[in-house]
């Protein structure tokens, strides 16, 4: 007997009850940095907004009730918090680290819906006892400066950044690639650090490095 074909599902879009469509659309776009997508009806009583790849539908006066909770994963919740705080969003609490491996904040909208915005953080438990040893090495000067700045940005030591990077590069992923510990936001910061330190060589340049004076 042939196995039935798998059901393909591409996305899930929540539909939130709102008391006033225009109020909801305005709050999400002006306070939470969502993009207005469309509205429907004459006058409109149904609409959609989007933040990155996340879409939310609003229904005025129906399809649910106030007090729904949502969870939205971001690349950098701290940066998002600073931006929407300046815009006057109703922030229940600022980003905090929570036990389930997330850094989260909570935001309330005019219809008492609550959104948990957050990004993943490395698991700190259970502890793994190790022995660290000093390693003598030499790095290209500009790359060493970038590494120090990156460690400071991530609130880590240089050694911890190297450990994180090595362990990720040892992990293969699909399409003959390797894993990276860096989020899109961190990669953007790294690109800025490369410009700051004048790193204009490509990822394969280390094979061509020759120390000056050697």
Foldseek 3Di string as FASTA:
>chain_A
DDDDDDDDDDDDEEEEEDQDVVQQVCCCCQQQVWAWDDFDDVVTQKGWTGDDHHMYIYGHPDDDAFAAEEEDEDLDQQVSVVVNVVSPFAWPDGWDDDQVQWTWTWTAGPRRYIYIYIYGHDHCPDPDDDDDDDDDDDDDPLVVVLLCVLCVVVVHHSVVVVVQQVVQQVAADPPRHTGGPHTPVSVVVSVVSCVVSVPPDDPPCVVVDDDPPD
